[in-house]
Amino acid sequence: MNNITVRFSPQELTEVLQAYNTIRLFLEKLISPNELYQEQFLKGLHEAHNEIEAGQFEEADSFEKFIG
């Protein structure tokens, strides 16, 4: 897998996250997250949420580290 660097300004990142949340909220009104996402993704999402709540996270400086 090739590394790709994507740079966003703080304003652009805010806008991307707002767009993502708008789409997510819309889809969740129509489709259950359990139908929208695969089980492995939901498990990872719950694990990440728990780690964040517990303060157990570290900054990812590469995509491989992010998905690992």
PDB file of N, CA and C in Angstrom:
ATOM      1  N   MET A   1       0.845  -1.175   0.000  1.00  0.00           N
ATOM      2  CA  MET A   1       0.000   0.000   0.000  1.00  0.00           C
ATOM      3  C   MET A   1       0.888   1.236   0.000  1.00  0.00           C
ATOM      4  N   ASN A   2       0.552   2.184  -0.849  1.00  0.00           N
ATOM      5  CA  ASN A   2       1.309   3.431  -0.939  1.00  0.00           C
ATOM      6  C   ASN A   2       0.855   4.406   0.128  1.00  0.00           C
ATOM      7  N   ASN A   3       1.800   5.207   0.607  1.00  0.00           N
ATOM      8  CA  ASN A   3       1.460   6.268   1.554  1.00  0.00           C
ATOM      9  C   ASN A   3       0.969   7.482   0.781  1.00  0.00           C
ATOM     10  N   ILE A   4      -0.096   8.069   1.266  1.00  0.00           N
ATOM     11  CA  ILE A   4      -0.638   9.284   0.670  1.00  0.00           C
ATOM     12  C   ILE A   4      -0.791  10.305   1.783  1.00  0.00           C
ATOM     13  N   THR A   5      -0.261  11.483   1.569  1.00  0.00           N
ATOM     14  CA  THR A   5      -0.388  12.552   2.553  1.00  0.00           C
ATOM     15  C   THR A   5      -1.492  13.499   2.112  1.00  0.00           C
ATOM     16  N   VAL A   6      -2.439  13.707   2.983  1.00  0.00           N
ATOM     17  CA  VAL A   6      -3.530  14.647   2.715  1.00  0.00           C
ATOM     18  C   VAL A   6      -3.448  15.731   3.775  1.00  0.00           C
ATOM     19  N   ARG A   7      -3.375  16.960   3.330  1.00  0.00           N
ATOM     20  CA  ARG A   7      -3.269  18.075   4.269  1.00  0.00           C
ATOM     21  C   ARG A   7      -4.547  18.901   4.223  1.00  0.00           C
ATOM     22  N   PHE A   8      -5.077  19.150   5.400  1.00  0.00           N
ATOM     23  CA  PHE A   8      -6.257  19.989   5.541  1.00  0.00           C
ATOM     24  C   PHE A   8      -5.911  21.140   6.466  1.00  0.00           C
ATOM     25  N   SER A   9      -6.429  22.296   6.168  1.00  0.00           N
ATOM     26  CA  SER A   9      -6.328  23.384   7.124  1.00  0.00           C
ATOM     27  C   SER A   9      -7.302  23.069   8.249  1.00  0.00           C
ATOM     28  N   PRO A  10      -7.144  23.670   9.406  1.00  0.00           N
ATOM     29  CA  PRO A  10      -8.113  23.438  10.493  1.00  0.00           C
ATOM     30  C   PRO A  10      -9.550  23.705  10.047  1.00  0.00           C
ATOM     31  N   GLN A  11      -9.757  24.751   9.248  1.00  0.00           N
ATOM     32  CA  GLN A  11     -11.096  25.077   8.767  1.00  0.00           C
ATOM     33  C   GLN A  11     -11.620  23.982   7.834  1.00  0.00           C
ATOM     34  N   GLU A  12     -10.765  23.503   6.919  1.00  0.00           N
ATOM     35  CA  GLU A  12     -11.180  22.436   6.001  1.00  0.00           C
ATOM     36  C   GLU A  12     -11.499  21.156   6.755  1.00  0.00           C
ATOM     37  N   LEU A  13     -10.698  20.819   7.741  1.00  0.00           N
ATOM     38  CA  LEU A  13     -10.956  19.617   8.534  1.00  0.00           C
ATOM     39  C   LEU A  13     -12.282  19.735   9.269  1.00  0.00           C
ATOM     40  N   THR A  14     -12.549  20.901   9.815  1.00  0.00           N
ATOM     41  CA  THR A  14     -13.833  21.135  10.485  1.00  0.00           C
ATOM     42  C   THR A  14     -14.992  20.930   9.507  1.00  0.00           C
ATOM     43  N   GLU A  15     -14.848  21.448   8.303  1.00  0.00           N
ATOM     44  CA  GLU A  15     -15.905  21.309   7.308  1.00  0.00           C
ATOM     45  C   GLU A  15     -16.094  19.856   6.870  1.00  0.00           C
ATOM     46  N   VAL A  16     -14.994  19.130   6.701  1.00  0.00           N
ATOM     47  CA  VAL A  16     -15.082  17.712   6.327  1.00  0.00           C
ATOM     48  C   VAL A  16     -15.791  16.926   7.429  1.00  0.00           C
ATOM     49  N   LEU A  17     -15.431  17.172   8.677  1.00  0.00           N
ATOM     50  CA  LEU A  17     -16.062  16.469   9.791  1.00  0.00           C
ATOM     51  C   LEU A  17     -17.543  16.829   9.914  1.00  0.00           C
ATOM     52  N   GLN A  18     -17.877  18.076   9.672  1.00  0.00           N
ATOM     53  CA  GLN A  18     -19.289  18.477   9.702  1.00  0.00           C
ATOM     54  C   GLN A  18     -20.071  17.767   8.599  1.00  0.00           C
ATOM     55  N   ALA A  19     -19.493  17.678   7.404  1.00  0.00           N
ATOM     56  CA  ALA A  19     -20.156  16.986   6.294  1.00  0.00           C
ATOM     57  C   ALA A  19     -20.327  15.506   6.626  1.00  0.00           C
ATOM     58  N   TYR A  20     -19.284  14.899   7.164  1.00  0.00           N
ATOM     59  CA  TYR A  20     -19.364  13.487   7.547  1.00  0.00           C
ATOM     60  C   TYR A  20     -20.482  13.273   8.574  1.00  0.00           C
ATOM     61  N   ASN A  21     -20.530  14.115   9.586  1.00  0.00           N
ATOM     62  CA  ASN A  21     -21.553  13.963  10.622  1.00  0.00           C
ATOM     63  C   ASN A  21     -22.958  14.186  10.074  1.00  0.00           C
ATOM     64  N   THR A  22     -23.110  15.122   9.143  1.00  0.00           N
ATOM     65  CA  THR A  22     -24.414  15.351   8.522  1.00  0.00           C
ATOM     66  C   THR A  22     -24.868  14.108   7.767  1.00  0.00           C
ATOM     67  N   ILE A  23     -23.971  13.537   6.984  1.00  0.00           N
ATOM     68  CA  ILE A  23     -24.303  12.316   6.227  1.00  0.00           C
ATOM     69  C   ILE A  23     -24.572  11.160   7.182  1.00  0.00           C
ATOM     70  N   ARG A  24     -23.744  11.016   8.203  1.00  0.00           N
ATOM     71  CA  ARG A  24     -23.916   9.924   9.172  1.00  0.00           C
ATOM     72  C   ARG A  24     -25.271  10.019   9.863  1.00  0.00           C
ATOM     73  N   LEU A  25     -25.633  11.206  10.329  1.00  0.00           N
ATOM     74  CA  LEU A  25     -26.911  11.383  11.014  1.00  0.00           C
ATOM     75  C   LEU A  25     -28.084  11.095  10.082  1.00  0.00           C
ATOM     76  N   PHE A  26     -27.970  11.516   8.837  1.00  0.00           N
ATOM     77  CA  PHE A  26     -29.018  11.252   7.866  1.00  0.00           C
ATOM     78  C   PHE A  26     -29.162   9.744   7.636  1.00  0.00           C
ATOM     79  N   LEU A  27     -28.046   9.070   7.407  1.00  0.00           N
ATOM     80  CA  LEU A  27     -28.101   7.629   7.149  1.00  0.00           C
ATOM     81  C   LEU A  27     -28.612   6.854   8.358  1.00  0.00           C
ATOM     82  N   GLU A  28     -28.237   7.292   9.552  1.00  0.00           N
ATOM     83  CA  GLU A  28     -28.699   6.588  10.752  1.00  0.00           C
ATOM     84  C   GLU A  28     -30.203   6.710  10.944  1.00  0.00           C
ATOM     85  N   LYS A  29     -30.826   7.722  10.350  1.00  0.00           N
ATOM     86  CA  LYS A  29     -32.281   7.832  10.408  1.00  0.00           C
ATOM     87  C   LYS A  29     -32.941   6.796   9.506  1.00  0.00           C
ATOM     88  N   LEU A  30     -32.229   6.399   8.459  1.00  0.00           N
ATOM     89  CA  LEU A  30     -32.775   5.462   7.479  1.00  0.00           C
ATOM     90  C   LEU A  30     -32.324   4.024   7.702  1.00  0.00           C
ATOM     91  N   ILE A  31     -31.087   3.871   8.173  1.00  0.00           N
ATOM     92  CA  ILE A  31     -30.478   2.541   8.259  1.00  0.00           C
ATOM     93  C   ILE A  31     -29.807   2.396   9.623  1.00  0.00           C
ATOM     94  N   SER A  32     -30.026   1.268  10.268  1.00  0.00           N
ATOM     95  CA  SER A  32     -29.354   0.984  11.526  1.00  0.00           C
ATOM     96  C   SER A  32     -27.844   0.912  11.293  1.00  0.00           C
ATOM     97  N   PRO A  33     -27.034   1.430  12.226  1.00  0.00           N
ATOM     98  CA  PRO A  33     -25.581   1.299  12.079  1.00  0.00           C
ATOM     99  C   PRO A  33     -25.153  -0.165  11.925  1.00  0.00           C
ATOM    100  N   ASN A  34     -25.907  -1.071  12.521  1.00  0.00           N
ATOM    101  CA  ASN A  34     -25.567  -2.495  12.402  1.00  0.00           C
ATOM    102  C   ASN A  34     -25.742  -2.988  10.972  1.00  0.00           C
ATOM    103  N   GLU A  35     -26.608  -2.361  10.209  1.00  0.00           N
ATOM    104  CA  GLU A  35     -26.787  -2.717   8.804  1.00  0.00           C
ATOM    105  C   GLU A  35     -25.826  -1.932   7.914  1.00  0.00           C
ATOM    106  N   LEU A  36     -25.509  -0.722   8.316  1.00  0.00           N
ATOM    107  CA  LEU A  36     -24.677   0.154   7.510  1.00  0.00           C
ATOM    108  C   LEU A  36     -23.202  -0.243   7.561  1.00  0.00           C
ATOM    109  N   TYR A  37     -22.742  -0.667   8.727  1.00  0.00           N
ATOM    110  CA  TYR A  37     -21.335  -0.984   8.917  1.00  0.00           C
ATOM    111  C   TYR A  37     -21.144  -2.476   9.177  1.00  0.00           C
ATOM    112  N   GLN A  38     -19.999  -2.992   8.765  1.00  0.00           N
ATOM    113  CA  GLN A  38     -19.679  -4.388   9.016  1.00  0.00           C
ATOM    114  C   GLN A  38     -19.347  -4.575  10.490  1.00  0.00           C
ATOM    115  N   GLU A  39     -19.541  -5.793  10.972  1.00  0.00           N
ATOM    116  CA  GLU A  39     -19.336  -6.093  12.387  1.00  0.00           C
ATOM    117  C   GLU A  39     -17.926  -5.726  12.853  1.00  0.00           C
ATOM    118  N   GLN A  40     -16.928  -5.994  12.022  1.00  0.00           N
ATOM    119  CA  GLN A  40     -15.541  -5.687  12.397  1.00  0.00           C
ATOM    120  C   GLN A  40     -15.361  -4.181  12.603  1.00  0.00           C
ATOM    121  N   PHE A  41     -15.971  -3.366  11.754  1.00  0.00           N
ATOM    122  CA  PHE A  41     -15.873  -1.918  11.898  1.00  0.00           C
ATOM    123  C   PHE A  41     -16.532  -1.451  13.182  1.00  0.00           C
ATOM    124  N   LEU A  42     -17.738  -1.972  13.467  1.00  0.00           N
ATOM    125  CA  LEU A  42     -18.438  -1.583  14.690  1.00  0.00           C
ATOM    126  C   LEU A  42     -17.646  -1.958  15.930  1.00  0.00           C
ATOM    127  N   LYS A  43     -17.033  -3.141  15.912  1.00  0.00           N
ATOM    128  CA  LYS A  43     -16.213  -3.575  17.047  1.00  0.00           C
ATOM    129  C   LYS A  43     -15.046  -2.605  17.241  1.00  0.00           C
ATOM    130  N   GLY A  44     -14.366  -2.265  16.159  1.00  0.00           N
ATOM    131  CA  GLY A  44     -13.252  -1.324  16.239  1.00  0.00           C
ATOM    132  C   GLY A  44     -13.688   0.049  16.706  1.00  0.00           C
ATOM    133  N   LEU A  45     -14.851   0.470  16.247  1.00  0.00           N
ATOM    134  CA  LEU A  45     -15.385   1.773  16.657  1.00  0.00           C
ATOM    135  C   LEU A  45     -15.654   1.803  18.159  1.00  0.00           C
ATOM    136  N   HIS A  46     -16.254   0.741  18.672  1.00  0.00           N
ATOM    137  CA  HIS A  46     -16.528   0.665  20.110  1.00  0.00           C
ATOM    138  C   HIS A  46     -15.225   0.606  20.915  1.00  0.00           C
ATOM    139  N   GLU A  47     -14.244  -0.148  20.418  1.00  0.00           N
ATOM    140  CA  GLU A  47     -12.949  -0.226  21.106  1.00  0.00           C
ATOM    141  C   GLU A  47     -12.276   1.143  21.126  1.00  0.00           C
ATOM    142  N   ALA A  48     -12.301   1.847  19.997  1.00  0.00           N
ATOM    143  CA  ALA A  48     -11.691   3.174  19.927  1.00  0.00           C
ATOM    144  C   ALA A  48     -12.389   4.145  20.876  1.00  0.00           C
ATOM    145  N   HIS A  49     -13.703   4.076  20.923  1.00  0.00           N
ATOM    146  CA  HIS A  49     -14.462   4.945  21.824  1.00  0.00           C
ATOM    147  C   HIS A  49     -14.067   4.676  23.278  1.00  0.00           C
ATOM    148  N   ASN A  50     -13.967   3.404  23.638  1.00  0.00           N
ATOM    149  CA  ASN A  50     -13.577   3.051  25.005  1.00  0.00           C
ATOM    150  C   ASN A  50     -12.165   3.527  25.328  1.00  0.00           C
ATOM    151  N   GLU A  51     -11.245   3.406  24.362  1.00  0.00           N
ATOM    152  CA  GLU A  51      -9.867   3.865  24.576  1.00  0.00           C
ATOM    153  C   GLU A  51      -9.826   5.384  24.769  1.00  0.00           C
ATOM    154  N   ILE A  52     -10.584   6.097  23.988  1.00  0.00           N
ATOM    155  CA  ILE A  52     -10.621   7.554  24.116  1.00  0.00           C
ATOM    156  C   ILE A  52     -11.192   7.953  25.465  1.00  0.00           C
ATOM    157  N   GLU A  53     -12.276   7.292  25.861  1.00  0.00           N
ATOM    158  CA  GLU A  53     -12.883   7.574  27.168  1.00  0.00           C
ATOM    159  C   GLU A  53     -11.886   7.346  28.304  1.00  0.00           C
ATOM    160  N   ALA A  54     -11.036   6.319  28.149  1.00  0.00           N
ATOM    161  CA  ALA A  54     -10.064   5.972  29.190  1.00  0.00           C
ATOM    162  C   ALA A  54      -8.750   6.748  29.034  1.00  0.00           C
ATOM    163  N   GLY A  55      -8.631   7.566  27.975  1.00  0.00           N
ATOM    164  CA  GLY A  55      -7.402   8.318  27.746  1.00  0.00           C
ATOM    165  C   GLY A  55      -6.259   7.452  27.264  1.00  0.00           C
ATOM    166  N   GLN A  56      -6.577   6.297  26.676  1.00  0.00           N
ATOM    167  CA  GLN A  56      -5.551   5.355  26.212  1.00  0.00           C
ATOM    168  C   GLN A  56      -5.431   5.423  24.689  1.00  0.00           C
ATOM    169  N   PHE A  57      -4.827   6.468  24.207  1.00  0.00           N
ATOM    170  CA  PHE A  57      -4.643   6.601  22.771  1.00  0.00           C
ATOM    171  C   PHE A  57      -3.337   7.308  22.504  1.00  0.00           C
ATOM    172  N   GLU A  58      -2.808   7.088  21.300  1.00  0.00           N
ATOM    173  CA  GLU A  58      -1.613   7.800  20.895  1.00  0.00           C
ATOM    174  C   GLU A  58      -1.798   8.308  19.477  1.00  0.00           C
ATOM    175  N   GLU A  59      -1.125   9.371  19.154  1.00  0.00           N
ATOM    176  CA  GLU A  59      -1.262   9.995  17.851  1.00  0.00           C
ATOM    177  C   GLU A  59      -0.715   9.082  16.762  1.00  0.00           C
ATOM    178  N   ALA A  60      -1.460   8.917  15.693  1.00  0.00           N
ATOM    179  CA  ALA A  60      -1.011   8.125  14.548  1.00  0.00           C
ATOM    180  C   ALA A  60      -0.290   9.046  13.576  1.00  0.00           C
ATOM    181  N   ASP A  61       0.959   8.706  13.259  1.00  0.00           N
ATOM    182  CA  ASP A  61       1.720   9.539  12.336  1.00  0.00           C
ATOM    183  C   ASP A  61       1.842   8.905  10.954  1.00  0.00           C
ATOM    184  N   SER A  62       1.149   7.781  10.736  1.00  0.00           N
ATOM    185  CA  SER A  62       1.092   7.153   9.423  1.00  0.00           C
ATOM    186  C   SER A  62      -0.228   6.415   9.295  1.00  0.00           C
ATOM    187  N   PHE A  63      -0.624   6.165   8.057  1.00  0.00           N
ATOM    188  CA  PHE A  63      -1.884   5.468   7.837  1.00  0.00           C
ATOM    189  C   PHE A  63      -1.792   4.041   8.364  1.00  0.00           C
ATOM    190  N   GLU A  64      -0.653   3.400   8.194  1.00  0.00           N
ATOM    191  CA  GLU A  64      -0.459   2.041   8.696  1.00  0.00           C
ATOM    192  C   GLU A  64      -0.653   1.982  10.206  1.00  0.00           C
ATOM    193  N   LYS A  65      -0.126   2.975  10.903  1.00  0.00           N
ATOM    194  CA  LYS A  65      -0.293   3.029  12.352  1.00  0.00           C
ATOM    195  C   LYS A  65      -1.761   3.313  12.709  1.00  0.00           C
ATOM    196  N   PHE A  66      -2.407   4.115  11.873  1.00  0.00           N
ATOM    197  CA  PHE A  66      -3.808   4.459  12.107  1.00  0.00           C
ATOM    198  C   PHE A  66      -4.713   3.235  11.977  1.00  0.00           C
ATOM    199  N   ILE A  67      -4.469   2.397  10.986  1.00  0.00           N
ATOM    200  CA  ILE A  67      -5.329   1.232  10.771  1.00  0.00           C
ATOM    201  C   ILE A  67      -4.852   0.016  11.527  1.00  0.00           C
ATOM    202  N   GLY A  68      -3.671   0.070  12.129  1.00  0.00           N
ATOM    203  CA  GLY A  68      -3.096  -1.082  12.840  1.00  0.00           C
ATOM    204  C   GLY A  68      -3.627  -1.293  14.211  1.00  0.00           C
TER     205      GLY A  68
END
